[in-house]
């Protein structure tokens, strides 16, 4: 991870409740090229959590610049391919377009 200050980013997404198990199964084997692209684009300590009962997804990552990290991923072919496959699981379609950071207002180090 770079020595620059990291921005903590948290966001919410919504899965179709009836597709939660399929979505989880799709993440059992995340493509190595996708993992490399995320890392290369500056996505660090990236985690996803799901509330299985209703499909609420909570994402967390650390990055030097979230907008730049999102743009770097948007420019990769592997992300377009991954998102195309993942959009079927989400209420809103494209998870990339729905990924809006929550306001970070407290952190205990």
N, C-alpha and C. Protein backbone atom coordinates (compact mmCIF):
# COMPACT_ATOMS: atom_id res chain seq x y z
N UNK A 1 0.84 -1.18 0.00
CA UNK A 1 0.00 0.00 0.00
C UNK A 1 0.89 1.24 0.00
N UNK A 2 0.51 2.25 -0.75
CA UNK A 2 1.32 3.47 -0.80
C UNK A 2 1.40 4.14 0.56
N UNK A 3 2.39 5.02 0.72
CA UNK A 3 2.58 5.73 1.98
C UNK A 3 1.66 6.94 2.10
N UNK A 4 0.87 7.25 1.10
CA UNK A 4 -0.02 8.40 1.15
C UNK A 4 -1.20 8.12 2.09
N UNK A 5 -1.85 9.18 2.52
CA UNK A 5 -3.03 9.04 3.38
C UNK A 5 -4.12 8.29 2.62
N UNK A 6 -4.74 7.37 3.31
CA UNK A 6 -5.79 6.56 2.70
C UNK A 6 -7.16 7.11 3.08
N UNK A 7 -8.00 7.17 2.11
CA UNK A 7 -9.40 7.53 2.28
C UNK A 7 -10.17 6.23 2.58
N UNK A 8 -10.96 6.22 3.65
CA UNK A 8 -11.81 5.07 3.96
C UNK A 8 -13.14 5.28 3.25
N UNK A 9 -13.57 4.28 2.51
CA UNK A 9 -14.80 4.38 1.74
C UNK A 9 -15.73 3.23 2.13
N UNK A 10 -16.97 3.57 2.42
CA UNK A 10 -18.00 2.58 2.70
C UNK A 10 -19.20 2.90 1.82
N UNK A 11 -19.82 1.87 1.26
CA UNK A 11 -20.97 2.07 0.39
C UNK A 11 -21.97 0.93 0.60
N UNK A 12 -23.20 1.18 0.17
CA UNK A 12 -24.27 0.18 0.24
C UNK A 12 -24.75 -0.16 -1.16
N UNK A 13 -25.07 -1.41 -1.36
CA UNK A 13 -25.70 -1.88 -2.59
C UNK A 13 -26.84 -2.81 -2.20
N UNK A 14 -27.73 -3.09 -3.14
CA UNK A 14 -28.87 -3.94 -2.81
C UNK A 14 -29.01 -5.07 -3.83
N UNK A 15 -28.86 -6.28 -3.33
CA UNK A 15 -29.07 -7.47 -4.15
C UNK A 15 -30.55 -7.80 -4.21
N UNK A 16 -30.95 -8.47 -5.27
CA UNK A 16 -32.28 -9.05 -5.31
C UNK A 16 -32.28 -10.15 -4.26
N UNK A 17 -33.18 -10.10 -3.29
CA UNK A 17 -33.15 -11.08 -2.19
C UNK A 17 -33.14 -12.53 -2.66
N UNK A 18 -33.84 -12.81 -3.74
CA UNK A 18 -33.89 -14.19 -4.24
C UNK A 18 -32.61 -14.62 -4.96
N UNK A 19 -31.66 -13.69 -5.16
CA UNK A 19 -30.41 -14.00 -5.86
C UNK A 19 -29.18 -13.95 -4.94
N UNK A 20 -29.38 -13.75 -3.65
CA UNK A 20 -28.26 -13.62 -2.72
C UNK A 20 -27.35 -14.84 -2.78
N UNK A 21 -27.89 -16.03 -2.71
CA UNK A 21 -27.06 -17.24 -2.70
C UNK A 21 -26.29 -17.39 -4.02
N UNK A 22 -26.91 -17.04 -5.14
CA UNK A 22 -26.22 -17.08 -6.43
C UNK A 22 -25.06 -16.09 -6.47
N UNK A 23 -25.29 -14.90 -5.93
CA UNK A 23 -24.25 -13.87 -5.86
C UNK A 23 -23.08 -14.34 -5.02
N UNK A 24 -23.37 -14.93 -3.87
CA UNK A 24 -22.31 -15.45 -3.00
C UNK A 24 -21.53 -16.55 -3.70
N UNK A 25 -22.22 -17.42 -4.41
CA UNK A 25 -21.55 -18.49 -5.15
C UNK A 25 -20.64 -17.91 -6.23
N UNK A 26 -21.07 -16.83 -6.87
CA UNK A 26 -20.25 -16.20 -7.92
C UNK A 26 -18.96 -15.62 -7.35
N UNK A 27 -18.94 -15.32 -6.07
CA UNK A 27 -17.75 -14.74 -5.43
C UNK A 27 -16.83 -15.78 -4.81
N UNK A 28 -17.18 -17.05 -4.93
CA UNK A 28 -16.29 -18.09 -4.41
C UNK A 28 -14.99 -18.16 -5.20
N UNK A 29 -15.05 -17.79 -6.46
CA UNK A 29 -13.88 -17.79 -7.32
C UNK A 29 -13.82 -16.47 -8.11
N UNK A 30 -13.38 -15.41 -7.45
CA UNK A 30 -13.21 -14.13 -8.15
C UNK A 30 -12.01 -14.27 -9.09
N UNK A 31 -12.18 -13.86 -10.32
CA UNK A 31 -11.14 -14.01 -11.32
C UNK A 31 -9.85 -13.34 -10.87
N UNK A 32 -8.72 -14.01 -11.02
CA UNK A 32 -7.43 -13.40 -10.64
C UNK A 32 -7.18 -12.08 -11.37
N UNK A 33 -7.61 -11.97 -12.62
CA UNK A 33 -7.44 -10.73 -13.38
C UNK A 33 -8.24 -9.58 -12.76
N UNK A 34 -9.39 -9.91 -12.20
CA UNK A 34 -10.21 -8.89 -11.54
C UNK A 34 -9.54 -8.43 -10.25
N UNK A 35 -9.02 -9.38 -9.49
CA UNK A 35 -8.31 -9.03 -8.25
C UNK A 35 -7.10 -8.17 -8.54
N UNK A 36 -6.35 -8.51 -9.58
CA UNK A 36 -5.18 -7.72 -9.97
C UNK A 36 -5.59 -6.31 -10.40
N UNK A 37 -6.67 -6.22 -11.17
CA UNK A 37 -7.13 -4.91 -11.65
C UNK A 37 -7.54 -4.02 -10.47
N UNK A 38 -8.25 -4.58 -9.50
CA UNK A 38 -8.64 -3.81 -8.32
C UNK A 38 -7.42 -3.29 -7.58
N UNK A 39 -6.48 -4.16 -7.36
CA UNK A 39 -5.26 -3.77 -6.66
C UNK A 39 -4.50 -2.70 -7.44
N UNK A 40 -4.34 -2.92 -8.73
CA UNK A 40 -3.61 -1.96 -9.58
C UNK A 40 -4.31 -0.60 -9.62
N UNK A 41 -5.64 -0.59 -9.49
CA UNK A 41 -6.41 0.65 -9.54
C UNK A 41 -6.43 1.38 -8.20
N UNK A 42 -5.84 0.77 -7.16
CA UNK A 42 -5.75 1.45 -5.88
C UNK A 42 -6.80 1.06 -4.86
N UNK A 43 -7.46 -0.08 -5.06
CA UNK A 43 -8.45 -0.56 -4.10
C UNK A 43 -7.72 -1.43 -3.07
N UNK A 44 -7.63 -0.97 -1.83
CA UNK A 44 -6.92 -1.69 -0.78
C UNK A 44 -7.89 -2.05 0.34
N UNK A 45 -7.60 -3.15 1.01
CA UNK A 45 -8.44 -3.62 2.12
C UNK A 45 -9.92 -3.65 1.72
N UNK A 46 -10.18 -4.09 0.50
CA UNK A 46 -11.54 -4.13 -0.04
C UNK A 46 -12.28 -5.32 0.55
N UNK A 47 -13.42 -5.05 1.16
CA UNK A 47 -14.26 -6.09 1.76
C UNK A 47 -15.71 -5.87 1.38
N UNK A 48 -16.44 -6.97 1.24
CA UNK A 48 -17.88 -6.93 1.02
C UNK A 48 -18.57 -7.75 2.10
N UNK A 49 -19.68 -7.23 2.61
CA UNK A 49 -20.48 -7.91 3.61
C UNK A 49 -21.91 -7.94 3.10
N UNK A 50 -22.65 -8.98 3.43
CA UNK A 50 -24.05 -9.05 2.98
C UNK A 50 -24.95 -9.45 4.14
N UNK A 51 -26.11 -8.82 4.19
CA UNK A 51 -27.17 -9.25 5.08
C UNK A 51 -28.04 -10.18 4.24
N UNK A 52 -27.90 -11.46 4.48
CA UNK A 52 -28.50 -12.49 3.64
C UNK A 52 -30.02 -12.37 3.58
N UNK A 53 -30.64 -11.97 4.66
CA UNK A 53 -32.10 -11.93 4.71
C UNK A 53 -32.74 -11.02 3.66
N UNK A 54 -32.09 -9.89 3.37
CA UNK A 54 -32.71 -8.96 2.43
C UNK A 54 -31.78 -8.47 1.32
N UNK A 55 -30.55 -8.97 1.28
CA UNK A 55 -29.65 -8.62 0.19
C UNK A 55 -28.90 -7.32 0.33
N UNK A 56 -28.90 -6.71 1.51
CA UNK A 56 -28.12 -5.48 1.70
C UNK A 56 -26.64 -5.83 1.67
N UNK A 57 -25.89 -5.15 0.81
CA UNK A 57 -24.44 -5.33 0.70
C UNK A 57 -23.77 -4.07 1.24
N UNK A 58 -22.78 -4.27 2.11
CA UNK A 58 -21.96 -3.19 2.62
C UNK A 58 -20.55 -3.42 2.10
N UNK A 59 -20.02 -2.44 1.40
CA UNK A 59 -18.65 -2.52 0.89
C UNK A 59 -17.75 -1.55 1.62
N UNK A 60 -16.50 -1.93 1.77
CA UNK A 60 -15.51 -1.09 2.43
C UNK A 60 -14.19 -1.23 1.68
N UNK A 61 -13.50 -0.11 1.53
CA UNK A 61 -12.16 -0.13 0.95
C UNK A 61 -11.38 1.08 1.43
N UNK A 62 -10.10 1.02 1.21
CA UNK A 62 -9.23 2.15 1.48
C UNK A 62 -8.49 2.46 0.18
N UNK A 63 -8.37 3.74 -0.11
CA UNK A 63 -7.73 4.17 -1.34
C UNK A 63 -7.24 5.61 -1.19
N UNK A 64 -6.28 5.98 -1.98
CA UNK A 64 -5.77 7.35 -1.95
C UNK A 64 -6.78 8.32 -2.55
N UNK A 65 -7.56 7.88 -3.54
CA UNK A 65 -8.52 8.75 -4.23
C UNK A 65 -9.61 7.86 -4.82
N UNK A 66 -10.79 7.86 -4.20
CA UNK A 66 -11.85 6.95 -4.62
C UNK A 66 -12.31 7.22 -6.05
N UNK A 67 -12.49 8.47 -6.41
CA UNK A 67 -12.92 8.79 -7.77
C UNK A 67 -11.91 8.27 -8.80
N UNK A 68 -10.63 8.44 -8.52
CA UNK A 68 -9.59 7.95 -9.43
C UNK A 68 -9.58 6.43 -9.47
N UNK A 69 -9.79 5.79 -8.31
CA UNK A 69 -9.81 4.32 -8.26
C UNK A 69 -11.00 3.77 -9.05
N UNK A 70 -12.15 4.43 -8.92
CA UNK A 70 -13.33 4.02 -9.70
C UNK A 70 -13.07 4.20 -11.20
N UNK A 71 -12.50 5.32 -11.57
CA UNK A 71 -12.22 5.60 -12.98
C UNK A 71 -11.23 4.58 -13.55
N UNK A 72 -10.19 4.27 -12.79
CA UNK A 72 -9.21 3.28 -13.24
C UNK A 72 -9.86 1.94 -13.50
N UNK A 73 -10.77 1.53 -12.63
CA UNK A 73 -11.48 0.27 -12.85
C UNK A 73 -12.41 0.35 -14.05
N UNK A 74 -13.09 1.48 -14.21
CA UNK A 74 -14.03 1.66 -15.32
C UNK A 74 -13.33 1.54 -16.67
N UNK A 75 -12.04 1.82 -16.70
CA UNK A 75 -11.29 1.77 -17.95
C UNK A 75 -10.75 0.39 -18.29
N UNK A 76 -11.00 -0.61 -17.43
CA UNK A 76 -10.49 -1.95 -17.70
C UNK A 76 -11.55 -2.82 -18.37
N UNK A 77 -11.12 -3.66 -19.27
CA UNK A 77 -12.03 -4.61 -19.92
C UNK A 77 -12.53 -5.66 -18.94
N UNK A 78 -11.67 -6.08 -18.01
CA UNK A 78 -12.07 -7.13 -17.07
C UNK A 78 -13.19 -6.63 -16.16
N UNK A 79 -13.18 -5.36 -15.78
CA UNK A 79 -14.26 -4.83 -14.95
C UNK A 79 -15.57 -4.82 -15.72
N UNK A 80 -15.54 -4.41 -16.97
CA UNK A 80 -16.77 -4.40 -17.79
C UNK A 80 -17.35 -5.81 -17.88
N UNK A 81 -16.49 -6.78 -18.07
CA UNK A 81 -16.94 -8.17 -18.17
C UNK A 81 -17.52 -8.65 -16.84
N UNK A 82 -16.83 -8.35 -15.72
CA UNK A 82 -17.30 -8.76 -14.40
C UNK A 82 -18.63 -8.09 -14.07
N UNK A 83 -18.72 -6.78 -14.28
CA UNK A 83 -19.95 -6.05 -13.95
C UNK A 83 -21.12 -6.53 -14.79
N UNK A 84 -20.87 -6.87 -16.03
CA UNK A 84 -21.92 -7.40 -16.90
C UNK A 84 -22.52 -8.66 -16.30
N UNK A 85 -21.68 -9.52 -15.77
CA UNK A 85 -22.17 -10.74 -15.13
C UNK A 85 -22.83 -10.50 -13.79
N UNK A 86 -22.35 -9.52 -13.05
CA UNK A 86 -22.86 -9.25 -11.70
C UNK A 86 -24.18 -8.47 -11.70
N UNK A 87 -24.43 -7.69 -12.73
CA UNK A 87 -25.61 -6.81 -12.73
C UNK A 87 -26.92 -7.57 -12.56
N UNK A 88 -26.96 -8.82 -12.96
CA UNK A 88 -28.20 -9.61 -12.83
C UNK A 88 -28.62 -9.83 -11.38
N UNK A 89 -27.70 -9.68 -10.44
CA UNK A 89 -27.98 -9.93 -9.03
C UNK A 89 -28.49 -8.70 -8.28
N UNK A 90 -28.32 -7.52 -8.87
CA UNK A 90 -28.60 -6.27 -8.16
C UNK A 90 -29.94 -5.68 -8.53
N UNK A 91 -30.59 -5.06 -7.56
CA UNK A 91 -31.87 -4.41 -7.76
C UNK A 91 -31.75 -3.31 -8.80
N UNK A 92 -30.65 -2.55 -8.75
CA UNK A 92 -30.48 -1.39 -9.62
C UNK A 92 -29.71 -1.69 -10.90
N UNK A 93 -29.34 -2.93 -11.15
CA UNK A 93 -28.55 -3.24 -12.33
C UNK A 93 -27.08 -3.12 -12.04
N UNK A 94 -26.41 -2.15 -12.62
CA UNK A 94 -24.97 -2.01 -12.50
C UNK A 94 -24.53 -1.61 -11.10
N UNK A 95 -23.75 -2.46 -10.42
CA UNK A 95 -23.26 -2.08 -9.10
C UNK A 95 -22.31 -0.88 -9.15
N UNK A 96 -21.53 -0.76 -10.22
CA UNK A 96 -20.60 0.37 -10.32
C UNK A 96 -21.33 1.71 -10.31
N UNK A 97 -22.46 1.78 -10.98
CA UNK A 97 -23.21 3.03 -11.05
C UNK A 97 -23.93 3.34 -9.74
N UNK A 98 -24.17 2.33 -8.92
CA UNK A 98 -24.89 2.52 -7.65
C UNK A 98 -23.97 2.75 -6.47
N UNK A 99 -22.68 2.64 -6.67
CA UNK A 99 -21.69 2.70 -5.59
C UNK A 99 -21.43 4.15 -5.18
N UNK A 100 -22.20 4.63 -4.21
CA UNK A 100 -22.05 6.00 -3.70
C UNK A 100 -21.54 5.93 -2.27
N UNK A 101 -20.42 6.56 -1.97
CA UNK A 101 -19.87 6.49 -0.61
C UNK A 101 -20.79 7.09 0.44
N UNK A 102 -20.80 6.46 1.59
CA UNK A 102 -21.48 7.02 2.75
C UNK A 102 -20.57 8.10 3.34
N UNK A 103 -21.13 9.00 4.09
CA UNK A 103 -20.36 10.05 4.75
C UNK A 103 -19.61 9.45 5.93
N UNK A 104 -18.30 9.60 5.92
CA UNK A 104 -17.46 9.12 7.01
C UNK A 104 -17.37 10.22 8.05
N UNK A 105 -17.85 9.94 9.26
CA UNK A 105 -17.87 11.00 10.25
C UNK A 105 -17.17 10.65 11.57
N UNK A 106 -16.70 9.40 11.73
CA UNK A 106 -16.01 9.04 12.96
C UNK A 106 -15.11 7.85 12.70
N UNK A 107 -13.93 7.87 13.34
CA UNK A 107 -13.00 6.76 13.26
C UNK A 107 -12.20 6.68 14.55
N UNK A 108 -12.17 5.52 15.15
CA UNK A 108 -11.36 5.28 16.35
C UNK A 108 -10.14 4.49 15.94
N UNK A 109 -8.98 5.12 16.02
CA UNK A 109 -7.73 4.45 15.61
C UNK A 109 -7.15 3.66 16.78
